[in-house]
Amino acid sequence: MPRLEHHTLKRYESIWFGIAVVISLFLFVSVIVSFISGTYSAIGGGGGHHITGVTNGRLDPRNIAATPFAKPGLRENADGTLEAFVVAKAFAFDPPVLRVPAGRPVTIHVTSLDVMHGYEVEGTNINASVIPGQVASFTTTFGRPGSHGTICNEYCGTGHHNMLGRVVVEAPTPQAARPAGE
């Protein structure tokens, strides 16, 4: 194999440096054009959450009483949708056991009051980072009855290993029998 001379290496270095400069200029110009044309993402948007006390996905952890997180658990809205509110705090989930019906979509909202936590439901693809003052929301449907452990998968302090809970998926209750003719 022939040995590369100093002049040959300098030429390759110059070519790679030129490519890096062109890419950098392209990215810089793209960002400027994006801001001028108005196609950049809105950082200070107007909402995204319908939850009382939550603005732009954020809430004040010191004022949790003004939000639905003050009474965590599952609730059914007037339109029939299900929402669950979960609060992560040192070193527990509230509620420790979340009961949800099988076969119905449930939107789960999770927040933290103190430090960063994780919310993972074992045996599912539910895995969220829970940051103080922010609300992580996701909608899922549990297909069949059973019990799933919940764990904090972000180290949150000396009691981290005790931060366990459960999601209990219950069989749907049958609707009350309707009189004939209805």
Protein backbone atom coordinates (compact mmCIF):
# COMPACT_ATOMS: atom_id res chain seq x y z
CA MET A 1 0.00 0.00 0.00
CA PRO A 2 1.51 3.36 -0.99
CA ARG A 3 2.18 5.84 1.74
CA LEU A 4 0.24 9.12 1.59
CA GLU A 5 2.34 12.21 1.35
CA HIS A 6 1.81 15.34 3.45
CA HIS A 7 0.45 17.23 0.45
CA THR A 8 -2.12 14.51 -0.24
CA LEU A 9 -3.37 14.55 3.39
CA LYS A 10 -3.59 18.33 3.35
CA ARG A 11 -5.76 18.14 0.23
CA TYR A 12 -8.16 15.64 1.91
CA GLU A 13 -8.34 17.79 5.03
CA SER A 14 -9.13 20.84 2.92
CA ILE A 15 -11.91 18.98 1.11
CA TRP A 16 -13.52 17.81 4.39
CA PHE A 17 -13.17 21.28 5.90
CA GLY A 18 -14.88 22.74 2.83
CA ILE A 19 -17.75 20.26 3.12
CA ALA A 20 -18.19 21.16 6.83
CA VAL A 21 -18.25 24.89 6.01
CA VAL A 22 -20.87 24.37 3.27
CA ILE A 23 -23.12 22.31 5.60
CA SER A 24 -22.76 24.89 8.39
CA LEU A 25 -23.65 27.76 6.07
CA PHE A 26 -26.62 25.80 4.70
CA LEU A 27 -27.98 25.18 8.23
CA PHE A 28 -27.43 28.81 9.25
CA VAL A 29 -29.21 30.14 6.16
CA SER A 30 -32.05 27.61 6.62
CA VAL A 31 -32.71 28.80 10.17
CA ILE A 32 -32.72 32.46 9.11
CA VAL A 33 -35.08 31.72 6.20
CA SER A 34 -37.34 29.72 8.53
CA PHE A 35 -37.69 32.63 10.95
CA ILE A 36 -38.26 35.16 8.15
CA SER A 37 -40.90 33.00 6.45
CA GLY A 38 -42.64 32.09 9.72
CA THR A 39 -42.26 28.32 9.34
CA TYR A 40 -40.46 27.79 12.66
CA SER A 41 -42.18 25.93 15.51
CA ALA A 42 -44.15 28.07 17.91
CA ILE A 43 -42.34 28.02 21.22
CA GLY A 44 -44.86 30.04 23.19
CA GLY A 45 -48.07 28.43 21.87
CA GLY A 46 -51.44 28.96 23.43
CA GLY A 47 -52.27 25.63 24.97
CA GLY A 48 -52.43 21.99 24.17
CA HIS A 49 -54.02 20.89 27.43
CA HIS A 50 -57.60 21.29 28.50
CA ILE A 51 -56.73 20.60 32.14
CA THR A 52 -57.55 23.32 34.65
CA GLY A 53 -54.35 24.95 35.94
CA VAL A 54 -52.20 23.56 33.11
CA THR A 55 -50.88 25.99 30.48
CA ASN A 56 -48.62 24.85 27.63
CA GLY A 57 -48.17 21.48 29.36
CA ARG A 58 -46.92 23.11 32.56
CA LEU A 59 -48.30 23.62 36.02
CA ASP A 60 -47.05 25.14 39.26
CA PRO A 61 -46.20 22.20 41.58
CA ARG A 62 -46.70 24.52 44.58
CA ASN A 63 -50.31 25.14 43.48
CA ILE A 64 -51.36 21.56 42.81
CA ALA A 65 -54.64 22.15 44.68
CA ALA A 66 -55.90 24.26 41.75
CA THR A 67 -55.60 21.34 39.34
CA PRO A 68 -57.23 17.90 38.96
CA PHE A 69 -53.97 16.43 40.28
CA ALA A 70 -55.18 17.46 43.76
CA LYS A 71 -57.39 14.33 43.70
CA PRO A 72 -55.47 11.77 41.64
CA GLY A 73 -57.18 8.77 40.13
CA LEU A 74 -59.48 7.79 37.27
CA ARG A 75 -62.47 9.87 36.29
CA GLU A 76 -65.02 9.75 33.52
CA ASN A 77 -65.72 13.02 31.71
CA ALA A 78 -69.18 14.17 30.66
CA ASP A 79 -68.49 13.03 27.09
CA GLY A 80 -67.68 9.50 28.28
CA THR A 81 -63.90 9.72 27.89
CA LEU A 82 -61.68 8.45 30.69
CA GLU A 83 -58.80 10.40 32.22
CA ALA A 84 -56.41 9.32 34.93
CA PHE A 85 -54.32 11.75 36.95
CA VAL A 86 -51.13 10.41 38.57
CA VAL A 87 -48.74 12.35 40.81
CA ALA A 88 -45.16 11.19 41.33
CA LYS A 89 -43.50 12.37 44.52
CA ALA A 90 -40.76 11.15 46.81
CA PHE A 91 -41.05 8.07 46.91
CA ALA A 92 -44.51 7.03 45.78
CA PHE A 93 -47.12 7.31 43.07
CA ASP A 94 -50.50 8.75 43.95
CA PRO A 95 -52.71 6.78 43.50
CA PRO A 96 -50.56 3.74 44.29
CA VAL A 97 -53.09 1.52 42.47
CA LEU A 98 -54.77 2.86 39.35
CA ARG A 99 -57.84 0.88 38.29
CA VAL A 100 -58.87 1.14 34.62
CA PRO A 101 -61.40 -0.78 32.50
CA ALA A 102 -60.21 -3.12 29.76
CA GLY A 103 -61.03 -2.19 26.18
CA ARG A 104 -61.61 1.54 26.73
CA PRO A 105 -59.16 4.30 25.80
CA VAL A 106 -57.74 6.06 28.85
CA THR A 107 -55.72 9.27 28.78
CA ILE A 108 -53.18 9.23 31.58
CA HIS A 109 -51.69 12.53 32.79
CA VAL A 110 -48.61 12.29 35.03
CA THR A 111 -46.75 15.07 36.85
CA SER A 112 -44.11 15.35 39.56
CA LEU A 113 -44.15 17.53 42.65
CA ASP A 114 -40.48 17.42 43.59
CA VAL A 115 -37.77 15.89 41.37
CA MET A 116 -37.60 14.10 38.05
CA HIS A 117 -39.24 10.68 38.12
CA GLY A 118 -40.10 8.04 35.56
CA TYR A 119 -43.44 6.33 34.98
CA GLU A 120 -43.18 2.90 33.40
CA VAL A 121 -46.00 0.39 33.24
CA GLU A 122 -44.45 -3.06 33.03
CA GLY A 123 -45.57 -5.27 30.16
CA THR A 124 -46.64 -2.27 28.04
CA ASN A 125 -44.93 0.39 25.97
CA ILE A 126 -45.83 3.10 28.51
CA ASN A 127 -42.65 4.84 29.60
CA ALA A 128 -42.57 8.56 30.38
CA SER A 129 -40.14 10.96 31.99
CA VAL A 130 -41.96 12.96 34.64
CA ILE A 131 -40.45 16.41 35.11
CA PRO A 132 -41.52 18.71 37.98
CA GLY A 133 -43.96 21.33 36.73
CA GLN A 134 -44.68 19.53 33.45
CA VAL A 135 -47.48 17.19 32.50
CA ALA A 136 -46.77 14.04 30.48
CA SER A 137 -49.96 12.81 28.78
CA PHE A 138 -50.64 9.73 26.71
CA THR A 139 -53.67 7.74 25.63
CA THR A 140 -53.72 3.96 25.71
CA THR A 141 -56.17 1.07 25.69
CA PHE A 142 -55.50 -1.97 27.86
CA GLY A 143 -56.78 -4.98 25.95
CA ARG A 144 -57.45 -7.51 28.69
CA PRO A 145 -57.86 -7.65 32.45
CA GLY A 146 -54.77 -8.10 34.59
CA SER A 147 -52.28 -6.31 36.78
CA HIS A 148 -49.23 -4.36 35.64
CA GLY A 149 -46.55 -3.06 37.96
CA THR A 150 -45.55 0.58 37.72
CA ILE A 151 -42.03 1.66 38.52
CA CYS A 152 -40.01 4.83 38.63
CA ASN A 153 -37.19 4.30 36.15
CA GLU A 154 -35.39 7.61 36.83
CA TYR A 155 -33.20 7.68 39.93
CA CYS A 156 -34.98 10.09 42.27
CA GLY A 157 -33.20 9.68 45.60
CA THR A 158 -32.50 7.25 48.40
CA GLY A 159 -36.02 5.79 48.44
CA HIS A 160 -36.14 5.27 44.67
CA HIS A 161 -36.26 1.48 45.01
CA ASN A 162 -39.52 1.79 47.00
CA MET A 163 -41.32 3.72 44.26
CA LEU A 164 -43.67 1.01 43.03
CA GLY A 165 -47.33 0.93 42.10
CA ARG A 166 -49.81 -0.98 39.97
CA VAL A 167 -52.26 -0.50 37.14
CA VAL A 168 -55.12 -2.94 37.59
CA VAL A 169 -57.06 -3.55 34.38
CA GLU A 170 -60.57 -4.67 35.27
CA ALA A 171 -63.07 -6.51 33.11
CA PRO A 172 -65.67 -4.10 31.73
CA THR A 173 -68.91 -4.10 33.67
CA PRO A 174 -71.95 -5.18 31.63
CA GLN A 175 -74.48 -2.46 30.86
CA ALA A 176 -77.73 -2.65 32.78
CA ALA A 177 -80.33 -4.69 30.92
CA ARG A 178 -82.67 -2.46 28.95
CA PRO A 179 -86.40 -3.09 28.82
CA ALA A 180 -87.64 -4.64 25.58
CA GLY A 181 -88.64 -2.17 22.92
CA GLU A 182 -85.95 0.45 23.66
